[in-house]
Protein backbone atom coordinates (compact mmCIF):
# COMPACT_ATOMS: atom_id res chain seq x y z
CA ALA A 1 -0.01 -0.11 0.00
CA HIS A 2 0.96 3.66 -0.38
CA ALA A 3 2.27 5.56 2.55
CA MET A 4 -0.57 7.29 4.34
CA GLY A 5 -1.87 10.16 2.03
CA ALA A 6 0.66 9.39 -0.64
CA THR A 7 -0.47 9.11 -4.33
CA LEU A 8 1.33 7.49 -7.18
CA ALA A 9 2.20 11.12 -8.34
CA ASP A 10 3.80 11.81 -4.90
CA GLU A 11 5.91 8.80 -5.15
CA LEU A 12 7.07 9.42 -8.67
CA ARG A 13 7.91 13.00 -7.75
CA GLN A 14 10.13 11.56 -4.82
CA ALA A 15 11.83 9.37 -7.42
CA GLY A 16 12.60 12.46 -9.63
CA TYR A 17 9.76 12.21 -12.19
CA GLU A 18 6.93 14.78 -12.83
CA PRO A 19 3.36 13.60 -13.19
CA SER A 20 2.87 15.27 -16.60
CA GLY A 21 1.75 12.16 -18.54
CA VAL A 22 -1.32 9.87 -18.39
CA VAL A 23 -2.31 8.02 -15.31
CA VAL A 24 -4.36 4.86 -15.83
CA ARG A 25 -5.98 3.53 -12.72
CA ALA A 26 -7.00 -0.01 -13.29
CA SER A 27 -9.49 -2.08 -11.30
CA PRO A 28 -9.50 -5.83 -12.31
CA LEU A 29 -7.88 -6.11 -15.68
CA GLY A 30 -9.21 -9.68 -15.99
CA ARG A 31 -8.17 -12.27 -18.57
CA VAL A 32 -6.74 -11.22 -21.82
CA ARG A 33 -5.94 -12.74 -25.32
CA GLU A 34 -3.16 -10.38 -26.31
CA THR A 35 -0.23 -8.15 -24.99
CA LEU A 36 -1.13 -5.02 -23.25
CA THR A 37 1.18 -2.61 -25.15
CA ILE A 38 1.93 0.90 -23.79
CA ALA A 39 2.17 3.04 -26.95
CA ALA A 40 3.02 6.50 -25.42
CA ASP A 41 5.53 8.19 -23.14
CA THR A 42 4.90 9.03 -19.38
CA VAL A 43 2.07 6.54 -19.04
CA TRP A 44 1.64 5.19 -15.59
CA LEU A 45 -0.44 1.99 -15.01
CA GLN A 46 -1.56 1.75 -11.44
CA GLY A 47 -3.62 -1.18 -10.06
CA VAL A 48 -5.38 -1.39 -6.77
CA ASP A 49 -3.03 -3.83 -5.47
CA SER A 50 -1.48 -7.16 -6.60
CA GLN A 51 -4.38 -9.18 -5.35
CA SER A 52 -7.19 -7.17 -6.89
CA THR A 53 -5.77 -6.04 -10.12
CA ARG A 54 -4.58 -9.18 -12.11
CA LEU A 55 -3.54 -9.64 -15.76
CA ARG A 56 -3.59 -13.10 -17.17
CA VAL A 57 -4.30 -15.05 -20.26
CA ALA A 58 -7.69 -16.12 -20.95
CA VAL A 59 -7.05 -19.82 -21.26
CA SER A 60 -3.84 -21.89 -21.13
CA ASP A 61 -3.48 -22.83 -24.80
CA SER A 62 -1.04 -22.31 -27.70
CA THR A 63 -3.03 -19.34 -29.03
CA ASN A 64 -1.98 -17.30 -25.81
CA ALA A 65 1.35 -18.89 -25.22
CA PHE A 66 3.39 -16.04 -26.61
CA TYR A 67 1.57 -12.92 -25.25
CA ASP A 68 3.63 -10.78 -22.94
CA GLY A 69 1.73 -9.23 -20.08
CA ILE A 70 2.77 -5.64 -20.54
CA ALA A 71 5.19 -4.56 -23.26
CA ALA A 72 6.56 -1.25 -24.46
CA SER A 73 9.23 -0.20 -26.94
CA ASP A 74 11.09 3.14 -27.47
CA ARG A 75 9.42 4.85 -24.57
CA THR A 76 10.40 6.93 -21.55
CA GLY A 77 8.93 7.76 -18.15
CA LEU A 78 6.73 4.74 -17.75
CA ALA A 79 5.43 3.51 -14.47
CA ILE A 80 3.63 0.15 -13.51
CA TYR A 81 2.51 -0.07 -9.86
CA ASP A 82 0.40 -2.41 -7.76
CA LEU A 83 -0.71 -5.19 -9.92
CA SER A 84 -0.34 -8.87 -10.69
CA ILE A 85 0.69 -10.62 -14.00
CA GLU A 86 0.08 -14.27 -14.40
CA ASN A 87 0.56 -16.99 -16.92
CA MET A 88 1.89 -14.94 -19.77
CA TRP A 89 5.00 -15.37 -22.06
CA ASN A 90 7.15 -12.73 -20.42
CA GLY A 91 5.48 -10.83 -17.64
CA ILE A 92 6.89 -7.36 -18.56
CA GLU A 93 8.99 -6.70 -21.61
CA TRP A 94 10.64 -3.25 -22.23
CA THR A 95 12.71 -2.62 -25.29
CA ASN A 96 14.61 0.74 -25.31
CA VAL A 97 12.56 2.02 -22.44
CA ASP A 98 14.19 4.60 -20.21
CA ASN A 99 13.47 6.33 -16.87
CA GLY A 100 10.68 4.08 -15.88
CA VAL A 101 9.48 2.48 -12.55
CA ILE A 102 8.27 -1.04 -11.83
CA ARG A 103 7.07 -1.29 -8.22
CA ARG A 104 4.96 -3.61 -6.15
CA VAL A 105 4.16 -5.82 -9.02
CA ARG A 106 3.76 -9.60 -8.72
CA VAL A 107 4.76 -11.66 -11.69
CA GLN A 108 4.20 -15.31 -11.61
CA THR A 109 3.98 -18.56 -13.66
CA CYS A 110 5.12 -17.02 -16.91
CA ASN A 111 6.35 -19.39 -19.62
CA ASN A 112 9.48 -17.46 -20.60
CA ASN A 113 10.90 -14.60 -18.41
CA GLY A 114 9.43 -12.68 -15.67
CA ILE A 115 10.72 -9.12 -16.17
CA ILE A 116 13.11 -8.35 -19.17
CA PHE A 117 14.72 -5.17 -20.26
CA LEU A 118 16.06 -5.52 -23.93
CA SER A 119 18.02 -3.31 -26.33
CA ALA A 120 17.14 -2.95 -30.04
CA ALA A 121 19.50 -0.02 -30.24
CA THR A 122 20.22 2.09 -27.18
CA GLY A 123 19.11 -0.23 -24.27
CA SER A 124 16.59 0.18 -21.50
CA ASP A 125 18.38 2.49 -19.15
CA ASN A 126 17.91 4.28 -15.83
CA ASN A 127 14.87 2.43 -14.61
CA VAL A 128 13.97 1.43 -11.09
CA VAL A 129 12.60 -2.00 -10.21
CA SER A 130 11.71 -2.27 -6.63
CA ASP A 131 9.62 -4.10 -4.11
CA ASN A 132 8.35 -6.82 -6.68
CA GLU A 133 7.75 -10.56 -6.34
CA VAL A 134 8.70 -12.83 -9.22
CA SER A 135 7.82 -16.58 -8.84
CA GLY A 136 7.26 -19.72 -10.87
CA ILE A 137 8.87 -18.43 -14.06
CA ALA A 138 10.13 -21.00 -16.61
CA GLN A 139 13.26 -19.19 -17.54
CA ASN A 140 15.02 -16.39 -16.03
CA ALA A 141 13.16 -14.32 -13.46
CA VAL A 142 14.59 -10.86 -14.22
CA VAL A 143 16.83 -10.22 -17.29
CA ILE A 144 18.84 -7.19 -17.99
CA SER A 145 20.10 -7.32 -21.67
CA SER A 146 22.42 -4.68 -23.02
CA SER A 147 20.88 -2.11 -20.71
CA ASN A 148 22.63 0.16 -18.22
CA SER A 149 22.27 2.23 -15.00
CA ASN A 150 19.16 0.42 -13.80
CA THR A 151 18.36 0.05 -10.10
CA LEU A 152 16.99 -3.16 -8.81
CA SER A 153 16.18 -3.31 -5.11
CA ASN A 154 14.02 -5.07 -2.49
CA ASN A 155 12.75 -7.60 -4.86
CA VAL A 156 12.02 -11.22 -3.99
CA LEU A 157 12.50 -14.05 -6.56
CA PHE A 158 11.34 -17.60 -5.55
CA ASP A 159 10.35 -20.96 -6.82
CA ASN A 160 11.63 -20.12 -10.30
CA LEU A 161 12.79 -22.85 -12.71
CA SER A 162 15.93 -21.22 -13.98
CA ASP A 163 18.29 -18.32 -12.85
CA GLY A 164 17.18 -15.34 -10.79
CA PHE A 165 18.71 -12.13 -11.92
CA TYR A 166 20.62 -12.46 -15.32
CA LEU A 167 22.66 -9.68 -16.78
CA THR A 168 24.10 -10.12 -20.20
CA SER A 169 27.78 -9.14 -21.07
CA THR A 170 26.91 -5.64 -22.43
CA SER A 171 24.89 -4.53 -19.45
CA GLN A 172 26.81 -2.02 -17.36
CA SER A 173 26.57 0.08 -14.15
CA ASN A 174 23.51 -1.55 -12.81
CA ILE A 175 22.89 -1.66 -9.02
CA LEU A 176 21.30 -4.64 -7.47
CA ALA A 177 20.64 -4.02 -3.71
CA SER A 178 18.78 -5.95 -0.96
CA ASN A 179 17.18 -8.45 -3.29
CA LEU A 180 16.37 -12.12 -2.25
CA CYS A 181 16.47 -15.29 -4.34
CA ARG A 182 15.29 -18.50 -2.83
CA ASN A 183 14.20 -21.98 -3.76
CA GLY A 184 15.13 -21.45 -7.45
CA GLN A 185 16.48 -24.33 -9.69
CA GLY A 186 19.18 -22.04 -11.27
CA ILE A 187 21.74 -19.38 -9.99
CA GLY A 188 20.50 -16.37 -7.95
CA PHE A 189 22.66 -13.81 -9.66
CA VAL A 190 24.34 -14.34 -13.15
CA LEU A 191 26.63 -11.88 -14.75
CA THR A 192 27.77 -13.09 -18.11
CA GLY A 193 31.02 -12.25 -20.08
CA SER A 194 32.22 -8.83 -19.76
CA ALA A 195 29.33 -7.21 -17.69
CA GLY A 196 31.10 -4.57 -15.87
CA GLY A 197 30.57 -1.79 -13.26
CA ASN A 198 27.62 -3.55 -11.87
CA VAL A 199 27.08 -3.39 -8.20
CA LEU A 200 25.61 -6.41 -6.18
């Protein structure tokens, strides 16, 4: 829950963002048959909480097997707060998304990765990922691929089928602080190749 009297805009201001964009407050999102794609900058998606606001596929069949929960490409200033994403391909996939926040989100039982930052050109940089739970993921729980200067803190990863935090060789200057990985079948923290300047 928010601090007493605090709004999403208050919290984003504290993180250095101005609430000049679009705030979408979602009650139950329900079952979906496609990816929820954020197609504008400074969009903030705020649920009620991770129990009440849930995004999941309509049925478990091959038609829905490759839909991501929430996706965005080439955006800045996005925020996802207080919701649950279940049974998708990737829970959250950001490609070239900068200066965003993912907080108090529960991602579970996804068929590929839980949260993934990708680069198609410049990387997904300067994002904050905090106070989330990621569990029951078939591949890696959190992937940082060719993306820099992200802060990941106070996240709990558990009961995943592969690695926890996975940073590719071209991911630099990321900070991982006060995170917990437990009961996973892979390695908790993986830095591949020449990943440098990262702080664990």
